Amino acid sequence: MTEIFWHFPAYLESYMDGGKGFRARPYTSIRSGKWKLIYYYEDKNVELFNLEEDIKEEHDVSSVNPDVVSDLKGKIFDWIDETQAPVPTKPNSYYDCKQ
C-alpha cells in the first residue's frame, strides 16, 4: 500500500485577531488506505480518522484503534529517518497547547 505523508514542522500564525495566536502547529500526518493519522510535535498527541466513514475528520478514533496508531506512528518516524525531514526540537513558548 502506498502512503502519503504531510510534514509541517513549523507554527503558522493566525491571520485573525490581529495575528495573535496560531492557526497551525508542527505536525506530520500519514494517509494509509482508509486511515489518516496526525502526529503533533508540541504535545506528542495524535488524531486518527477513518476516512471511509468520516471524510470531514470530525471523529478522532485513536483511543479505540491503538494498533493502527502504533503502526502509523512507526511509519511516520521511519519516513522522517529515511528522508531526514527536519523535526522541531523545542516547543514555542508562545504556543499554549492546552487551548
PDB file of N, CA and C in Angstrom:
ATOM      1  N   MET A   1       0.844  -1.184   0.000  1.00  0.00           N
ATOM      2  CA  MET A   1       0.000   0.000   0.000  1.00  0.00           C
ATOM      3  C   MET A   1       0.889   1.248   0.000  1.00  0.00           C
ATOM      4  N   THR A   2       0.521   2.187  -0.804  1.00  0.00           N
ATOM      5  CA  THR A   2       1.268   3.448  -0.876  1.00  0.00           C
ATOM      6  C   THR A   2       0.759   4.408   0.192  1.00  0.00           C
ATOM      7  N   GLU A   3       1.684   4.995   0.905  1.00  0.00           N
ATOM      8  CA  GLU A   3       1.334   6.004   1.906  1.00  0.00           C
ATOM      9  C   GLU A   3       1.630   7.389   1.372  1.00  0.00           C
ATOM     10  N   ILE A   4       0.883   8.353   1.863  1.00  0.00           N
ATOM     11  CA  ILE A   4       1.113   9.764   1.560  1.00  0.00           C
ATOM     12  C   ILE A   4       1.417  10.460   2.876  1.00  0.00           C
ATOM     13  N   PHE A   5       2.465  11.280   2.887  1.00  0.00           N
ATOM     14  CA  PHE A   5       2.864  11.999   4.098  1.00  0.00           C
ATOM     15  C   PHE A   5       2.714  13.502   3.896  1.00  0.00           C
ATOM     16  N   TRP A   6       2.298  14.184   4.951  1.00  0.00           N
ATOM     17  CA  TRP A   6       2.304  15.644   5.012  1.00  0.00           C
ATOM     18  C   TRP A   6       3.220  15.986   6.172  1.00  0.00           C
ATOM     19  N   HIS A   7       4.110  16.927   5.961  1.00  0.00           N
ATOM     20  CA  HIS A   7       5.056  17.285   7.015  1.00  0.00           C
ATOM     21  C   HIS A   7       5.094  18.797   7.120  1.00  0.00           C
ATOM     22  N   PHE A   8       4.699  19.312   8.274  1.00  0.00           N
ATOM     23  CA  PHE A   8       4.678  20.752   8.511  1.00  0.00           C
ATOM     24  C   PHE A   8       5.330  21.006   9.872  1.00  0.00           C
ATOM     25  N   PRO A   9       6.661  21.145   9.907  1.00  0.00           N
ATOM     26  CA  PRO A   9       7.369  21.250  11.183  1.00  0.00           C
ATOM     27  C   PRO A   9       7.482  22.672  11.725  1.00  0.00           C
ATOM     28  N   ALA A  10       6.454  23.473  11.561  1.00  0.00           N
ATOM     29  CA  ALA A  10       6.531  24.876  11.979  1.00  0.00           C
ATOM     30  C   ALA A  10       5.181  25.352  12.506  1.00  0.00           C
ATOM     31  N   TYR A  11       5.200  26.519  13.084  1.00  0.00           N
ATOM     32  CA  TYR A  11       3.978  27.184  13.527  1.00  0.00           C
ATOM     33  C   TYR A  11       3.524  28.128  12.423  1.00  0.00           C
ATOM     34  N   LEU A  12       2.243  28.285  12.281  1.00  0.00           N
ATOM     35  CA  LEU A  12       1.692  29.215  11.306  1.00  0.00           C
ATOM     36  C   LEU A  12       0.798  30.181  12.067  1.00  0.00           C
ATOM     37  N   GLU A  13       1.193  31.450  12.075  1.00  0.00           N
ATOM     38  CA  GLU A  13       0.447  32.450  12.834  1.00  0.00           C
ATOM     39  C   GLU A  13      -0.940  32.667  12.253  1.00  0.00           C
ATOM     40  N   SER A  14      -1.826  33.048  13.124  1.00  0.00           N
ATOM     41  CA  SER A  14      -3.194  33.342  12.725  1.00  0.00           C
ATOM     42  C   SER A  14      -3.254  34.650  11.962  1.00  0.00           C
ATOM     43  N   TYR A  15      -4.127  34.712  10.994  1.00  0.00           N
ATOM     44  CA  TYR A  15      -4.356  35.957  10.270  1.00  0.00           C
ATOM     45  C   TYR A  15      -5.572  36.685  10.854  1.00  0.00           C
ATOM     46  N   MET A  16      -6.205  36.077  11.851  1.00  0.00           N
ATOM     47  CA  MET A  16      -7.355  36.700  12.514  1.00  0.00           C
ATOM     48  C   MET A  16      -6.902  37.262  13.857  1.00  0.00           C
ATOM     49  N   ASP A  17      -7.721  38.050  14.467  1.00  0.00           N
ATOM     50  CA  ASP A  17      -7.432  38.622  15.789  1.00  0.00           C
ATOM     51  C   ASP A  17      -6.104  39.372  15.812  1.00  0.00           C
ATOM     52  N   GLY A  18      -5.797  40.080  14.749  1.00  0.00           N
ATOM     53  CA  GLY A  18      -4.567  40.866  14.711  1.00  0.00           C
ATOM     54  C   GLY A  18      -3.308  40.030  14.673  1.00  0.00           C
ATOM     55  N   GLY A  19      -3.415  38.783  14.234  1.00  0.00           N
ATOM     56  CA  GLY A  19      -2.237  37.926  14.140  1.00  0.00           C
ATOM     57  C   GLY A  19      -1.838  37.276  15.450  1.00  0.00           C
ATOM     58  N   LYS A  20      -2.717  37.345  16.463  1.00  0.00           N
ATOM     59  CA  LYS A  20      -2.403  36.727  17.749  1.00  0.00           C
ATOM     60  C   LYS A  20      -2.773  35.250  17.686  1.00  0.00           C
ATOM     61  N   GLY A  21      -1.918  34.438  18.212  1.00  0.00           N
ATOM     62  CA  GLY A  21      -2.192  33.010  18.242  1.00  0.00           C
ATOM     63  C   GLY A  21      -1.697  32.300  16.991  1.00  0.00           C
ATOM     64  N   PHE A  22      -2.044  31.034  16.902  1.00  0.00           N
ATOM     65  CA  PHE A  22      -1.583  30.197  15.801  1.00  0.00           C
ATOM     66  C   PHE A  22      -2.752  29.459  15.187  1.00  0.00           C
ATOM     67  N   ARG A  23      -2.692  29.288  13.862  1.00  0.00           N
ATOM     68  CA  ARG A  23      -3.736  28.508  13.195  1.00  0.00           C
ATOM     69  C   ARG A  23      -3.219  27.138  12.803  1.00  0.00           C
ATOM     70  N   ALA A  24      -1.935  26.903  12.939  1.00  0.00           N
ATOM     71  CA  ALA A  24      -1.356  25.584  12.708  1.00  0.00           C
ATOM     72  C   ALA A  24      -0.141  25.425  13.603  1.00  0.00           C
ATOM     73  N   ARG A  25       0.080  24.207  14.020  1.00  0.00           N
ATOM     74  CA  ARG A  25       1.240  23.899  14.843  1.00  0.00           C
ATOM     75  C   ARG A  25       1.987  22.734  14.198  1.00  0.00           C
ATOM     76  N   PRO A  26       3.217  22.485  14.599  1.00  0.00           N
ATOM     77  CA  PRO A  26       4.024  21.463  13.939  1.00  0.00           C
ATOM     78  C   PRO A  26       3.383  20.074  13.996  1.00  0.00           C
ATOM     79  N   TYR A  27       3.349  19.421  12.841  1.00  0.00           N
ATOM     80  CA  TYR A  27       2.780  18.077  12.782  1.00  0.00           C
ATOM     81  C   TYR A  27       3.337  17.330  11.577  1.00  0.00           C
ATOM     82  N   THR A  28       3.165  16.031  11.620  1.00  0.00           N
ATOM     83  CA  THR A  28       3.345  15.174  10.455  1.00  0.00           C
ATOM     84  C   THR A  28       2.130  14.273  10.412  1.00  0.00           C
ATOM     85  N   SER A  29       1.608  14.043   9.211  1.00  0.00           N
ATOM     86  CA  SER A  29       0.475  13.125   9.096  1.00  0.00           C
ATOM     87  C   SER A  29       0.741  12.134   7.978  1.00  0.00           C
ATOM     88  N   ILE A  30      -0.004  11.042   8.039  1.00  0.00           N
ATOM     89  CA  ILE A  30       0.114   9.985   7.060  1.00  0.00           C
ATOM     90  C   ILE A  30      -1.277   9.535   6.648  1.00  0.00           C
ATOM     91  N   ARG A  31      -1.429   9.279   5.365  1.00  0.00           N
ATOM     92  CA  ARG A  31      -2.654   8.647   4.841  1.00  0.00           C
ATOM     93  C   ARG A  31      -2.241   7.268   4.368  1.00  0.00           C
ATOM     94  N   SER A  32      -2.886   6.260   4.901  1.00  0.00           N
ATOM     95  CA  SER A  32      -2.605   4.875   4.533  1.00  0.00           C
ATOM     96  C   SER A  32      -3.939   4.159   4.410  1.00  0.00           C
ATOM     97  N   GLY A  33      -4.341   3.888   3.176  1.00  0.00           N
ATOM     98  CA  GLY A  33      -5.647   3.265   2.961  1.00  0.00           C
ATOM     99  C   GLY A  33      -6.749   4.172   3.466  1.00  0.00           C
ATOM    100  N   LYS A  34      -7.611   3.638   4.312  1.00  0.00           N
ATOM    101  CA  LYS A  34      -8.731   4.419   4.839  1.00  0.00           C
ATOM    102  C   LYS A  34      -8.340   5.280   6.040  1.00  0.00           C
ATOM    103  N   TRP A  35      -7.106   5.121   6.525  1.00  0.00           N
ATOM    104  CA  TRP A  35      -6.685   5.789   7.754  1.00  0.00           C
ATOM    105  C   TRP A  35      -5.870   7.046   7.493  1.00  0.00           C
ATOM    106  N   LYS A  36      -6.081   8.044   8.345  1.00  0.00           N
ATOM    107  CA  LYS A  36      -5.230   9.232   8.385  1.00  0.00           C
ATOM    108  C   LYS A  36      -4.861   9.478   9.842  1.00  0.00           C
ATOM    109  N   LEU A  37      -3.562   9.531  10.106  1.00  0.00           N
ATOM    110  CA  LEU A  37      -3.049   9.804  11.449  1.00  0.00           C
ATOM    111  C   LEU A  37      -2.310  11.124  11.417  1.00  0.00           C
ATOM    112  N   ILE A  38      -2.559  11.961  12.403  1.00  0.00           N
ATOM    113  CA  ILE A  38      -1.844  13.229  12.568  1.00  0.00           C
ATOM    114  C   ILE A  38      -1.078  13.157  13.876  1.00  0.00           C
ATOM    115  N   TYR A  39       0.228  13.403  13.817  1.00  0.00           N
ATOM    116  CA  TYR A  39       1.094  13.406  14.995  1.00  0.00           C
ATOM    117  C   TYR A  39       1.548  14.840  15.237  1.00  0.00           C
ATOM    118  N   TYR A  40       1.233  15.365  16.446  1.00  0.00           N
ATOM    119  CA  TYR A  40       1.582  16.746  16.807  1.00  0.00           C
ATOM    120  C   TYR A  40       2.848  16.754  17.662  1.00  0.00           C
ATOM    121  N   TYR A  41       3.841  17.528  17.240  1.00  0.00           N
ATOM    122  CA  TYR A  41       5.113  17.580  17.958  1.00  0.00           C
ATOM    123  C   TYR A  41       5.019  18.326  19.284  1.00  0.00           C
ATOM    124  N   GLU A  42       4.154  19.313  19.355  1.00  0.00           N
ATOM    125  CA  GLU A  42       4.062  20.150  20.554  1.00  0.00           C
ATOM    126  C   GLU A  42       3.783  19.322  21.810  1.00  0.00           C
ATOM    127  N   ASP A  43       2.823  18.411  21.737  1.00  0.00           N
ATOM    128  CA  ASP A  43       2.431  17.636  22.922  1.00  0.00           C
ATOM    129  C   ASP A  43       2.459  16.130  22.685  1.00  0.00           C
ATOM    130  N   LYS A  44       2.921  15.704  21.501  1.00  0.00           N
ATOM    131  CA  LYS A  44       3.029  14.293  21.119  1.00  0.00           C
ATOM    132  C   LYS A  44       1.672  13.585  21.055  1.00  0.00           C
ATOM    133  N   ASN A  45       0.613  14.348  20.939  1.00  0.00           N
ATOM    134  CA  ASN A  45      -0.721  13.767  20.780  1.00  0.00           C
ATOM    135  C   ASN A  45      -0.951  13.354  19.337  1.00  0.00           C
ATOM    136  N   VAL A  46      -1.923  12.478  19.147  1.00  0.00           N
ATOM    137  CA  VAL A  46      -2.286  12.037  17.805  1.00  0.00           C
ATOM    138  C   VAL A  46      -3.796  12.151  17.622  1.00  0.00           C
ATOM    139  N   GLU A  47      -4.185  12.206  16.361  1.00  0.00           N
ATOM    140  CA  GLU A  47      -5.584  12.084  15.978  1.00  0.00           C
ATOM    141  C   GLU A  47      -5.614  11.067  14.846  1.00  0.00           C
ATOM    142  N   LEU A  48      -6.604  10.165  14.907  1.00  0.00           N
ATOM    143  CA  LEU A  48      -6.753   9.139  13.887  1.00  0.00           C
ATOM    144  C   LEU A  48      -8.164   9.225  13.326  1.00  0.00           C
ATOM    145  N   PHE A  49      -8.244   9.184  11.996  1.00  0.00           N
ATOM    146  CA  PHE A  49      -9.543   9.266  11.333  1.00  0.00           C
ATOM    147  C   PHE A  49      -9.686   8.128  10.338  1.00  0.00           C
ATOM    148  N   ASN A  50     -10.890   7.548  10.293  1.00  0.00           N
ATOM    149  CA  ASN A  50     -11.249   6.565   9.286  1.00  0.00           C
ATOM    150  C   ASN A  50     -11.942   7.337   8.171  1.00  0.00           C
ATOM    151  N   LEU A  51     -11.228   7.616   7.094  1.00  0.00           N
ATOM    152  CA  LEU A  51     -11.748   8.492   6.055  1.00  0.00           C
ATOM    153  C   LEU A  51     -12.864   7.865   5.228  1.00  0.00           C
ATOM    154  N   GLU A  52     -13.007   6.542   5.291  1.00  0.00           N
ATOM    155  CA  GLU A  52     -14.140   5.911   4.603  1.00  0.00           C
ATOM    156  C   GLU A  52     -15.451   6.242   5.313  1.00  0.00           C
ATOM    157  N   GLU A  53     -15.384   6.409   6.617  1.00  0.00           N
ATOM    158  CA  GLU A  53     -16.583   6.672   7.419  1.00  0.00           C
ATOM    159  C   GLU A  53     -16.700   8.126   7.874  1.00  0.00           C
ATOM    160  N   ASP A  54     -15.609   8.874   7.788  1.00  0.00           N
ATOM    161  CA  ASP A  54     -15.564  10.223   8.361  1.00  0.00           C
ATOM    162  C   ASP A  54     -14.693  11.136   7.495  1.00  0.00           C
ATOM    163  N   ILE A  55     -15.153  11.441   6.316  1.00  0.00           N
ATOM    164  CA  ILE A  55     -14.370  12.226   5.362  1.00  0.00           C
ATOM    165  C   ILE A  55     -14.066  13.635   5.880  1.00  0.00           C
ATOM    166  N   LYS A  56     -14.904  14.165   6.764  1.00  0.00           N
ATOM    167  CA  LYS A  56     -14.686  15.512   7.311  1.00  0.00           C
ATOM    168  C   LYS A  56     -13.719  15.526   8.494  1.00  0.00           C
ATOM    169  N   GLU A  57     -13.251  14.365   8.901  1.00  0.00           N
ATOM    170  CA  GLU A  57     -12.310  14.253  10.029  1.00  0.00           C
ATOM    171  C   GLU A  57     -12.877  14.902  11.289  1.00  0.00           C
ATOM    172  N   GLU A  58     -14.070  14.489  11.652  1.00  0.00           N
ATOM    173  CA  GLU A  58     -14.740  15.044  12.840  1.00  0.00           C
ATOM    174  C   GLU A  58     -14.639  14.138  14.064  1.00  0.00           C
ATOM    175  N   HIS A  59     -14.288  12.857  13.867  1.00  0.00           N
ATOM    176  CA  HIS A  59     -14.307  11.903  14.972  1.00  0.00           C
ATOM    177  C   HIS A  59     -12.960  11.203  15.099  1.00  0.00           C
ATOM    178  N   ASP A  60     -12.206  11.611  16.108  1.00  0.00           N
ATOM    179  CA  ASP A  60     -10.905  11.008  16.391  1.00  0.00           C
ATOM    180  C   ASP A  60     -11.144   9.610  16.969  1.00  0.00           C
ATOM    181  N   VAL A  61     -10.633   8.589  16.298  1.00  0.00           N
ATOM    182  CA  VAL A  61     -10.843   7.209  16.745  1.00  0.00           C
ATOM    183  C   VAL A  61      -9.539   6.570  17.238  1.00  0.00           C
ATOM    184  N   SER A  62      -8.586   7.407  17.634  1.00  0.00           N
ATOM    185  CA  SER A  62      -7.291   6.889  18.080  1.00  0.00           C
ATOM    186  C   SER A  62      -7.410   6.032  19.337  1.00  0.00           C
ATOM    187  N   SER A  63      -8.303   6.383  20.242  1.00  0.00           N
ATOM    188  CA  SER A  63      -8.401   5.638  21.504  1.00  0.00           C
ATOM    189  C   SER A  63      -8.948   4.231  21.325  1.00  0.00           C
ATOM    190  N   VAL A  64      -9.670   3.974  20.263  1.00  0.00           N
ATOM    191  CA  VAL A  64     -10.244   2.632  20.045  1.00  0.00           C
ATOM    192  C   VAL A  64      -9.505   1.847  18.960  1.00  0.00           C
ATOM    193  N   ASN A  65      -8.412   2.408  18.450  1.00  0.00           N
ATOM    194  CA  ASN A  65      -7.606   1.737  17.427  1.00  0.00           C
ATOM    195  C   ASN A  65      -6.112   1.867  17.742  1.00  0.00           C
ATOM    196  N   PRO A  66      -5.686   1.419  18.938  1.00  0.00           N
ATOM    197  CA  PRO A  66      -4.281   1.613  19.329  1.00  0.00           C
ATOM    198  C   PRO A  66      -3.287   0.909  18.405  1.00  0.00           C
ATOM    199  N   ASP A  67      -3.661  -0.225  17.832  1.00  0.00           N
ATOM    200  CA  ASP A  67      -2.745  -0.934  16.928  1.00  0.00           C
ATOM    201  C   ASP A  67      -2.514  -0.136  15.647  1.00  0.00           C
ATOM    202  N   VAL A  68      -3.566   0.488  15.123  1.00  0.00           N
ATOM    203  CA  VAL A  68      -3.441   1.318  13.919  1.00  0.00           C
ATOM    204  C   VAL A  68      -2.565   2.524  14.234  1.00  0.00           C
ATOM    205  N   VAL A  69      -2.795   3.153  15.378  1.00  0.00           N
ATOM    206  CA  VAL A  69      -1.986   4.306  15.796  1.00  0.00           C
ATOM    207  C   VAL A  69      -0.512   3.919  15.870  1.00  0.00           C
ATOM    208  N   SER A  70      -0.226   2.816  16.532  1.00  0.00           N
ATOM    209  CA  SER A  70       1.161   2.374  16.688  1.00  0.00           C
ATOM    210  C   SER A  70       1.816   2.101  15.333  1.00  0.00           C
ATOM    211  N   ASP A  71       1.113   1.426  14.455  1.00  0.00           N
ATOM    212  CA  ASP A  71       1.640   1.113  13.127  1.00  0.00           C
ATOM    213  C   ASP A  71       1.929   2.386  12.326  1.00  0.00           C
ATOM    214  N   LEU A  72       0.974   3.308  12.306  1.00  0.00           N
ATOM    215  CA  LEU A  72       1.140   4.522  11.509  1.00  0.00           C
ATOM    216  C   LEU A  72       2.178   5.466  12.107  1.00  0.00           C
ATOM    217  N   LYS A  73       2.267   5.542  13.438  1.00  0.00           N
ATOM    218  CA  LYS A  73       3.327   6.349  14.058  1.00  0.00           C
ATOM    219  C   LYS A  73       4.695   5.793  13.679  1.00  0.00           C
ATOM    220  N   GLY A  74       4.819   4.478  13.679  1.00  0.00           N
ATOM    221  CA  GLY A  74       6.076   3.855  13.274  1.00  0.00           C
ATOM    222  C   GLY A  74       6.443   4.219  11.845  1.00  0.00           C
ATOM    223  N   LYS A  75       5.451   4.226  10.963  1.00  0.00           N
ATOM    224  CA  LYS A  75       5.696   4.587   9.568  1.00  0.00           C
ATOM    225  C   LYS A  75       6.114   6.058   9.445  1.00  0.00           C
ATOM    226  N   ILE A  76       5.493   6.922  10.259  1.00  0.00           N
ATOM    227  CA  ILE A  76       5.884   8.333  10.256  1.00  0.00           C
ATOM    228  C   ILE A  76       7.340   8.481  10.673  1.00  0.00           C
ATOM    229  N   PHE A  77       7.730   7.846  11.780  1.00  0.00           N
ATOM    230  CA  PHE A  77       9.092   8.002  12.275  1.00  0.00           C
ATOM    231  C   PHE A  77      10.109   7.358  11.324  1.00  0.00           C
ATOM    232  N   ASP A  78       9.743   6.243  10.684  1.00  0.00           N
ATOM    233  CA  ASP A  78      10.626   5.645   9.679  1.00  0.00           C
ATOM    234  C   ASP A  78      10.811   6.596   8.496  1.00  0.00           C
ATOM    235  N   TRP A  79       9.715   7.213   8.050  1.00  0.00           N
ATOM    236  CA  TRP A  79       9.775   8.150   6.923  1.00  0.00           C
ATOM    237  C   TRP A  79      10.649   9.358   7.269  1.00  0.00           C
ATOM    238  N   ILE A  80      10.509   9.870   8.503  1.00  0.00           N
ATOM    239  CA  ILE A  80      11.339  11.002   8.946  1.00  0.00           C
ATOM    240  C   ILE A  80      12.810  10.622   8.908  1.00  0.00           C
ATOM    241  N   ASP A  81      13.136   9.431   9.409  1.00  0.00           N
ATOM    242  CA  ASP A  81      14.530   8.972   9.380  1.00  0.00           C
ATOM    243  C   ASP A  81      15.038   8.822   7.951  1.00  0.00           C
ATOM    244  N   GLU A  82      14.230   8.204   7.096  1.00  0.00           N
ATOM    245  CA  GLU A  82      14.649   7.949   5.712  1.00  0.00           C
ATOM    246  C   GLU A  82      14.864   9.238   4.922  1.00  0.00           C
ATOM    247  N   THR A  83      14.024  10.231   5.153  1.00  0.00           N
ATOM    248  CA  THR A  83      14.093  11.471   4.377  1.00  0.00           C
ATOM    249  C   THR A  83      14.900  12.564   5.072  1.00  0.00           C
ATOM    250  N   GLN A  84      15.280  12.317   6.313  1.00  0.00           N
ATOM    251  CA  GLN A  84      15.980  13.305   7.137  1.00  0.00           C
ATOM    252  C   GLN A  84      15.179  14.604   7.224  1.00  0.00           C
ATOM    253  N   ALA A  85      13.874  14.446   7.361  1.00  0.00           N
ATOM    254  CA  ALA A  85      12.983  15.604   7.474  1.00  0.00           C
ATOM    255  C   ALA A  85      13.275  16.353   8.767  1.00  0.00           C
ATOM    256  N   PRO A  86      13.270  17.685   8.730  1.00  0.00           N
ATOM    257  CA  PRO A  86      13.511  18.459   9.955  1.00  0.00           C
ATOM    258  C   PRO A  86      12.365  18.276  10.940  1.00  0.00           C
ATOM    259  N   VAL A  87      12.724  18.170  12.201  1.00  0.00           N
ATOM    260  CA  VAL A  87      11.740  17.964  13.262  1.00  0.00           C
ATOM    261  C   VAL A  87      11.970  19.016  14.334  1.00  0.00           C
ATOM    262  N   PRO A  88      10.895  19.645  14.845  1.00  0.00           N
ATOM    263  CA  PRO A  88      11.062  20.635  15.911  1.00  0.00           C
ATOM    264  C   PRO A  88      11.727  20.005  17.134  1.00  0.00           C
ATOM    265  N   THR A  89      12.654  20.740  17.729  1.00  0.00           N
ATOM    266  CA  THR A  89      13.373  20.212  18.887  1.00  0.00           C
ATOM    267  C   THR A  89      12.984  20.877  20.198  1.00  0.00           C
ATOM    268  N   LYS A  90      12.307  22.028  20.122  1.00  0.00           N
ATOM    269  CA  LYS A  90      11.868  22.663  21.358  1.00  0.00           C
ATOM    270  C   LYS A  90      10.524  23.352  21.108  1.00  0.00           C
ATOM    271  N   PRO A  91       9.681  23.373  22.131  1.00  0.00           N
ATOM    272  CA  PRO A  91       8.361  23.998  21.981  1.00  0.00           C
ATOM    273  C   PRO A  91       8.461  25.512  21.809  1.00  0.00           C
ATOM    274  N   ASN A  92       7.490  26.075  21.138  1.00  0.00           N
ATOM    275  CA  ASN A  92       7.372  27.521  21.015  1.00  0.00           C
ATOM    276  C   ASN A  92       6.700  28.022  22.288  1.00  0.00           C
ATOM    277  N   SER A  93       7.396  28.838  23.050  1.00  0.00           N
ATOM    278  CA  SER A  93       6.870  29.300  24.347  1.00  0.00           C
ATOM    279  C   SER A  93       5.624  30.172  24.186  1.00  0.00           C
ATOM    280  N   TYR A  94       5.384  30.676  22.991  1.00  0.00           N
ATOM    281  CA  TYR A  94       4.188  31.492  22.755  1.00  0.00           C
ATOM    282  C   TYR A  94       2.959  30.659  22.445  1.00  0.00           C
ATOM    283  N   TYR A  95       3.151  29.355  22.209  1.00  0.00           N
ATOM    284  CA  TYR A  95       2.027  28.491  21.883  1.00  0.00           C
ATOM    285  C   TYR A  95       1.512  27.809  23.133  1.00  0.00           C
ATOM    286  N   ASP A  96       0.227  27.890  23.395  1.00  0.00           N
ATOM    287  CA  ASP A  96      -0.397  27.229  24.534  1.00  0.00           C
ATOM    288  C   ASP A  96      -1.097  25.980  24.016  1.00  0.00           C
ATOM    289  N   CYS A  97      -0.484  24.808  24.227  1.00  0.00           N
ATOM    290  CA  CYS A  97      -1.052  23.576  23.685  1.00  0.00           C
ATOM    291  C   CYS A  97      -2.305  23.135  24.435  1.00  0.00           C
ATOM    292  N   LYS A  98      -2.701  23.851  25.475  1.00  0.00           N
ATOM    293  CA  LYS A  98      -3.916  23.490  26.211  1.00  0.00           C
ATOM    294  C   LYS A  98      -5.121  24.303  25.718  1.00  0.00           C
ATOM    295  N   GLN A  99      -4.973  25.032  24.615  1.00  0.00           N
ATOM    296  CA  GLN A  99      -6.068  25.867  24.084  1.00  0.00           C
ATOM    297  C   GLN A  99      -7.268  25.026  23.775  1.00  0.00           C
TER     298      GLN A  99
END
